[in-house]
């Protein structure tokens, strides 16, 4: 399990190493700055990390690092080997829930998976400061069990209004801002 997580982080870091964009991207009042692999690695080490990947042949990725009460956001794309650090103020209540309660609340529920195949892939992982994966969501469409409504609502908000909003800028016009 730990080897898979380390492999995922290595893939993200390799993408960051090969980043070639040198311009600052400004979109929806968010400034995205090109970032090197060294800066991503130095932020990840010893901190809790949320990792999100979504896509088809290549994928968009996002890493949110919690360092104390601060959150640092990195995102990129494997197709054009881009990686950026964003200056964005995210919803601290939602991120606090994701880092502190998501793993324990999900253990009480049962994941629900699609019956039909789709080619779109998504994965969410929460990695603790020791490097252990403490939560993983692979293509589940929700959870079932007592308390599922509130849990699924928070999870959807996290997946759509935070990760999809950050990783795929063209979708920003259709998705509520994660700054709520």
C-alpha atoms as a PDB file:
ATOM      1  CA  UNK A   1       0.000   0.000   0.000  1.00  0.00           C
ATOM      2  CA  UNK A   2       2.762   2.436   0.954  1.00  0.00           C
ATOM      3  CA  UNK A   3       4.646   1.577  -2.261  1.00  0.00           C
ATOM      4  CA  UNK A   4       1.637   2.560  -4.380  1.00  0.00           C
ATOM      5  CA  UNK A   5       1.317   5.886  -2.570  1.00  0.00           C
ATOM      6  CA  UNK A   6       5.008   6.621  -2.980  1.00  0.00           C
ATOM      7  CA  UNK A   7       4.680   5.750  -6.688  1.00  0.00           C
ATOM      8  CA  UNK A   8       1.797   8.230  -7.042  1.00  0.00           C
ATOM      9  CA  UNK A   9       3.798  11.004  -5.389  1.00  0.00           C
ATOM     10  CA  UNK A  10       6.832  10.183  -7.541  1.00  0.00           C
ATOM     11  CA  UNK A  11       4.674  10.483 -10.686  1.00  0.00           C
ATOM     12  CA  UNK A  12       3.475  13.897  -9.566  1.00  0.00           C
ATOM     13  CA  UNK A  13       6.996  15.017  -8.698  1.00  0.00           C
ATOM     14  CA  UNK A  14       8.377  13.794 -12.042  1.00  0.00           C
ATOM     15  CA  UNK A  15       5.658  15.829 -13.751  1.00  0.00           C
ATOM     16  CA  UNK A  16       6.725  18.833 -11.692  1.00  0.00           C
ATOM     17  CA  UNK A  17      10.380  18.245 -12.637  1.00  0.00           C
ATOM     18  CA  UNK A  18       9.612  18.490 -16.308  1.00  0.00           C
ATOM     19  CA  UNK A  19       7.457  21.605 -16.086  1.00  0.00           C
ATOM     20  CA  UNK A  20       8.320  23.912 -18.930  1.00  0.00           C
ATOM     21  CA  UNK A  21       5.883  26.787 -18.505  1.00  0.00           C
ATOM     22  CA  UNK A  22       7.535  29.995 -17.383  1.00  0.00           C
ATOM     23  CA  UNK A  23       4.588  32.371 -17.340  1.00  0.00           C
ATOM     24  CA  UNK A  24       2.210  33.292 -14.573  1.00  0.00           C
ATOM     25  CA  UNK A  25      -1.350  32.190 -15.331  1.00  0.00           C
ATOM     26  CA  UNK A  26      -4.118  34.373 -13.920  1.00  0.00           C
ATOM     27  CA  UNK A  27      -7.680  33.104 -14.025  1.00  0.00           C
ATOM     28  CA  UNK A  28     -10.688  33.965 -11.867  1.00  0.00           C
ATOM     29  CA  UNK A  29      -8.541  36.025  -9.455  1.00  0.00           C
ATOM     30  CA  UNK A  30      -6.189  33.108  -8.900  1.00  0.00           C
ATOM     31  CA  UNK A  31      -2.522  33.395  -9.716  1.00  0.00           C
ATOM     32  CA  UNK A  32      -0.798  30.181 -10.753  1.00  0.00           C
ATOM     33  CA  UNK A  33       2.978  30.156 -10.647  1.00  0.00           C
ATOM     34  CA  UNK A  34       5.215  27.513 -12.243  1.00  0.00           C
ATOM     35  CA  UNK A  35       6.806  25.394  -9.555  1.00  0.00           C
ATOM     36  CA  UNK A  36       9.769  23.021  -9.370  1.00  0.00           C
ATOM     37  CA  UNK A  37       9.741  19.480  -8.018  1.00  0.00           C
ATOM     38  CA  UNK A  38      12.047  20.531  -5.169  1.00  0.00           C
ATOM     39  CA  UNK A  39       9.519  23.007  -3.824  1.00  0.00           C
ATOM     40  CA  UNK A  40       6.721  20.408  -3.979  1.00  0.00           C
ATOM     41  CA  UNK A  41       8.851  17.781  -2.228  1.00  0.00           C
ATOM     42  CA  UNK A  42       9.965  20.179   0.484  1.00  0.00           C
ATOM     43  CA  UNK A  43       6.325  21.101   1.213  1.00  0.00           C
ATOM     44  CA  UNK A  44       5.093  17.489   1.240  1.00  0.00           C
ATOM     45  CA  UNK A  45       7.724  16.031   3.566  1.00  0.00           C
ATOM     46  CA  UNK A  46       6.445  15.630   7.120  1.00  0.00           C
ATOM     47  CA  UNK A  47       2.973  17.074   6.386  1.00  0.00           C
ATOM     48  CA  UNK A  48      -0.488  15.673   5.778  1.00  0.00           C
ATOM     49  CA  UNK A  49      -1.347  15.656   2.076  1.00  0.00           C
ATOM     50  CA  UNK A  50      -4.520  15.301   0.006  1.00  0.00           C
ATOM     51  CA  UNK A  51      -3.755  13.987  -3.496  1.00  0.00           C
ATOM     52  CA  UNK A  52      -6.327  14.028  -6.272  1.00  0.00           C
ATOM     53  CA  UNK A  53      -6.005  12.705  -9.822  1.00  0.00           C
ATOM     54  CA  UNK A  54      -8.608  12.670 -12.550  1.00  0.00           C
ATOM     55  CA  UNK A  55      -8.536  12.044 -16.255  1.00  0.00           C
ATOM     56  CA  UNK A  56      -8.543   9.619 -19.136  1.00  0.00           C
ATOM     57  CA  UNK A  57      -5.295   9.030 -21.077  1.00  0.00           C
ATOM     58  CA  UNK A  58      -3.354  11.634 -19.141  1.00  0.00           C
ATOM     59  CA  UNK A  59      -4.598  13.195 -15.979  1.00  0.00           C
ATOM     60  CA  UNK A  60      -4.871  16.393 -14.042  1.00  0.00           C
ATOM     61  CA  UNK A  61      -3.596  16.276 -10.498  1.00  0.00           C
ATOM     62  CA  UNK A  62      -3.822  18.388  -7.381  1.00  0.00           C
ATOM     63  CA  UNK A  63      -1.937  18.186  -4.102  1.00  0.00           C
ATOM     64  CA  UNK A  64      -3.085  20.118  -1.049  1.00  0.00           C
ATOM     65  CA  UNK A  65      -0.537  20.183   1.758  1.00  0.00           C
ATOM     66  CA  UNK A  66      -1.552  21.004   5.314  1.00  0.00           C
ATOM     67  CA  UNK A  67       1.263  22.591   7.290  1.00  0.00           C
ATOM     68  CA  UNK A  68      -0.196  23.631  10.641  1.00  0.00           C
ATOM     69  CA  UNK A  69      -3.240  25.776   9.833  1.00  0.00           C
ATOM     70  CA  UNK A  70      -1.903  26.716   6.372  1.00  0.00           C
ATOM     71  CA  UNK A  71      -2.797  24.988   3.102  1.00  0.00           C
ATOM     72  CA  UNK A  72      -0.591  24.999   0.010  1.00  0.00           C
ATOM     73  CA  UNK A  73      -2.092  24.069  -3.332  1.00  0.00           C
ATOM     74  CA  UNK A  74      -0.163  22.513  -6.217  1.00  0.00           C
ATOM     75  CA  UNK A  75      -1.703  21.290  -9.463  1.00  0.00           C
ATOM     76  CA  UNK A  76      -0.682  20.193 -12.916  1.00  0.00           C
ATOM     77  CA  UNK A  77      -1.295  18.013 -15.913  1.00  0.00           C
ATOM     78  CA  UNK A  78       0.639  14.975 -17.143  1.00  0.00           C
ATOM     79  CA  UNK A  79      -0.123  15.670 -20.824  1.00  0.00           C
ATOM     80  CA  UNK A  80       1.690  18.991 -21.020  1.00  0.00           C
ATOM     81  CA  UNK A  81       3.901  18.236 -17.998  1.00  0.00           C
ATOM     82  CA  UNK A  82       2.814  21.406 -16.270  1.00  0.00           C
ATOM     83  CA  UNK A  83       2.820  22.054 -12.542  1.00  0.00           C
ATOM     84  CA  UNK A  84       1.855  25.167 -10.650  1.00  0.00           C
ATOM     85  CA  UNK A  85       1.397  26.521  -7.171  1.00  0.00           C
ATOM     86  CA  UNK A  86      -1.794  28.521  -6.729  1.00  0.00           C
ATOM     87  CA  UNK A  87      -2.513  31.472  -4.520  1.00  0.00           C
ATOM     88  CA  UNK A  88      -6.069  30.623  -3.568  1.00  0.00           C
ATOM     89  CA  UNK A  89      -7.950  30.799  -0.300  1.00  0.00           C
ATOM     90  CA  UNK A  90      -9.799  27.499   0.058  1.00  0.00           C
ATOM     91  CA  UNK A  91     -12.702  26.654   2.350  1.00  0.00           C
ATOM     92  CA  UNK A  92     -10.906  25.902   5.663  1.00  0.00           C
ATOM     93  CA  UNK A  93     -13.964  24.172   7.158  1.00  0.00           C
ATOM     94  CA  UNK A  94     -14.139  21.688   4.278  1.00  0.00           C
ATOM     95  CA  UNK A  95     -10.392  21.040   4.221  1.00  0.00           C
ATOM     96  CA  UNK A  96     -10.324  20.569   7.980  1.00  0.00           C
ATOM     97  CA  UNK A  97     -13.094  17.970   7.603  1.00  0.00           C
ATOM     98  CA  UNK A  98     -11.158  16.215   4.825  1.00  0.00           C
ATOM     99  CA  UNK A  99      -7.928  16.020   6.801  1.00  0.00           C
ATOM    100  CA  UNK A 100      -9.443  15.278  10.218  1.00  0.00           C
ATOM    101  CA  UNK A 101     -12.734  13.398   9.748  1.00  0.00           C
ATOM    102  CA  UNK A 102     -12.942  11.925   6.239  1.00  0.00           C
ATOM    103  CA  UNK A 103     -11.033   8.694   7.018  1.00  0.00           C
ATOM    104  CA  UNK A 104     -12.932   7.824  10.209  1.00  0.00           C
ATOM    105  CA  UNK A 105     -16.361   8.763   8.821  1.00  0.00           C
ATOM    106  CA  UNK A 106     -15.783   6.746   5.620  1.00  0.00           C
ATOM    107  CA  UNK A 107     -15.002   3.571   7.604  1.00  0.00           C
ATOM    108  CA  UNK A 108     -18.575   3.536   8.939  1.00  0.00           C
ATOM    109  CA  UNK A 109     -20.026   3.613   5.413  1.00  0.00           C
ATOM    110  CA  UNK A 110     -19.926   1.322   2.374  1.00  0.00           C
ATOM    111  CA  UNK A 111     -18.565   2.625  -0.963  1.00  0.00           C
ATOM    112  CA  UNK A 112     -20.994   2.450  -3.908  1.00  0.00           C
ATOM    113  CA  UNK A 113     -19.467   1.759  -7.326  1.00  0.00           C
ATOM    114  CA  UNK A 114     -20.813   2.214 -10.842  1.00  0.00           C
ATOM    115  CA  UNK A 115     -22.237  -0.836 -12.528  1.00  0.00           C
ATOM    116  CA  UNK A 116     -21.177   0.376 -15.974  1.00  0.00           C
ATOM    117  CA  UNK A 117     -17.661   1.108 -17.160  1.00  0.00           C
ATOM    118  CA  UNK A 118     -16.577   4.675 -17.841  1.00  0.00           C
ATOM    119  CA  UNK A 119     -13.167   5.660 -19.098  1.00  0.00           C
ATOM    120  CA  UNK A 120     -12.823   8.673 -16.785  1.00  0.00           C
ATOM    121  CA  UNK A 121     -10.544   7.883 -13.850  1.00  0.00           C
ATOM    122  CA  UNK A 122     -10.379   9.635 -10.488  1.00  0.00           C
ATOM    123  CA  UNK A 123      -8.598   8.923  -7.249  1.00  0.00           C
ATOM    124  CA  UNK A 124      -8.412  10.763  -3.943  1.00  0.00           C
ATOM    125  CA  UNK A 125      -5.877   9.858  -1.277  1.00  0.00           C
ATOM    126  CA  UNK A 126      -5.129  11.264   2.143  1.00  0.00           C
ATOM    127  CA  UNK A 127      -1.547  10.635   3.212  1.00  0.00           C
ATOM    128  CA  UNK A 128      -0.468  11.353   6.761  1.00  0.00           C
ATOM    129  CA  UNK A 129       2.762  13.035   7.820  1.00  0.00           C
ATOM    130  CA  UNK A 130       4.500   9.632   8.086  1.00  0.00           C
ATOM    131  CA  UNK A 131       3.731   8.827   4.447  1.00  0.00           C
ATOM    132  CA  UNK A 132       0.975   6.273   5.148  1.00  0.00           C
ATOM    133  CA  UNK A 133      -2.243   6.293   3.136  1.00  0.00           C
ATOM    134  CA  UNK A 134      -5.113   6.664   5.584  1.00  0.00           C
ATOM    135  CA  UNK A 135      -7.908   7.150   3.025  1.00  0.00           C
ATOM    136  CA  UNK A 136      -8.315   6.185  -0.622  1.00  0.00           C
ATOM    137  CA  UNK A 137     -11.266   6.708  -2.947  1.00  0.00           C
ATOM    138  CA  UNK A 138     -11.037   4.895  -6.269  1.00  0.00           C
ATOM    139  CA  UNK A 139     -13.933   5.616  -8.608  1.00  0.00           C
ATOM    140  CA  UNK A 140     -16.671   5.153  -5.988  1.00  0.00           C
ATOM    141  CA  UNK A 141     -19.679   7.326  -6.801  1.00  0.00           C
ATOM    142  CA  UNK A 142     -20.682   7.743  -3.171  1.00  0.00           C
ATOM    143  CA  UNK A 143     -21.221   5.917   0.088  1.00  0.00           C
ATOM    144  CA  UNK A 144     -24.152   4.049   1.595  1.00  0.00           C
ATOM    145  CA  UNK A 145     -25.138   3.614   5.222  1.00  0.00           C
ATOM    146  CA  UNK A 146     -26.265   5.670   8.176  1.00  0.00           C
ATOM    147  CA  UNK A 147     -25.256   9.314   7.715  1.00  0.00           C
ATOM    148  CA  UNK A 148     -24.619   8.895   3.977  1.00  0.00           C
ATOM    149  CA  UNK A 149     -26.452  12.079   2.938  1.00  0.00           C
ATOM    150  CA  UNK A 150     -24.258  14.457   4.944  1.00  0.00           C
ATOM    151  CA  UNK A 151     -21.088  12.514   4.156  1.00  0.00           C
ATOM    152  CA  UNK A 152     -21.767  12.320   0.401  1.00  0.00           C
ATOM    153  CA  UNK A 153     -22.608  16.037   0.299  1.00  0.00           C
ATOM    154  CA  UNK A 154     -19.250  16.959   1.890  1.00  0.00           C
ATOM    155  CA  UNK A 155     -17.365  14.489  -0.296  1.00  0.00           C
ATOM    156  CA  UNK A 156     -19.011  15.853  -3.467  1.00  0.00           C
ATOM    157  CA  UNK A 157     -18.186  19.393  -2.391  1.00  0.00           C
ATOM    158  CA  UNK A 158     -14.581  18.342  -1.832  1.00  0.00           C
ATOM    159  CA  UNK A 159     -14.294  16.508  -5.154  1.00  0.00           C
ATOM    160  CA  UNK A 160     -16.148  18.994  -7.371  1.00  0.00           C
ATOM    161  CA  UNK A 161     -15.905  22.387  -5.750  1.00  0.00           C
ATOM    162  CA  UNK A 162     -12.302  21.987  -4.701  1.00  0.00           C
ATOM    163  CA  UNK A 163     -10.338  19.463  -6.738  1.00  0.00           C
ATOM    164  CA  UNK A 164     -12.103  19.617 -10.096  1.00  0.00           C
ATOM    165  CA  UNK A 165     -12.277  23.412  -9.821  1.00  0.00           C
ATOM    166  CA  UNK A 166      -8.539  23.671  -9.212  1.00  0.00           C
ATOM    167  CA  UNK A 167      -7.277  21.039 -11.658  1.00  0.00           C
ATOM    168  CA  UNK A 168      -9.410  21.821 -14.707  1.00  0.00           C
ATOM    169  CA  UNK A 169      -9.620  25.614 -15.189  1.00  0.00           C
ATOM    170  CA  UNK A 170     -12.104  25.473 -18.112  1.00  0.00           C
ATOM    171  CA  UNK A 171     -14.675  23.976 -15.704  1.00  0.00           C
ATOM    172  CA  UNK A 172     -14.477  26.958 -13.338  1.00  0.00           C
ATOM    173  CA  UNK A 173     -17.289  28.760 -15.097  1.00  0.00           C
ATOM    174  CA  UNK A 174     -19.636  25.831 -14.341  1.00  0.00           C
ATOM    175  CA  UNK A 175     -18.599  24.924 -10.783  1.00  0.00           C
ATOM    176  CA  UNK A 176     -19.016  27.006  -7.626  1.00  0.00           C
ATOM    177  CA  UNK A 177     -15.819  28.478  -6.271  1.00  0.00           C
ATOM    178  CA  UNK A 178     -14.119  26.506  -3.465  1.00  0.00           C
ATOM    179  CA  UNK A 179     -13.659  29.735  -1.512  1.00  0.00           C
ATOM    180  CA  UNK A 180     -17.148  29.582   0.003  1.00  0.00           C
END
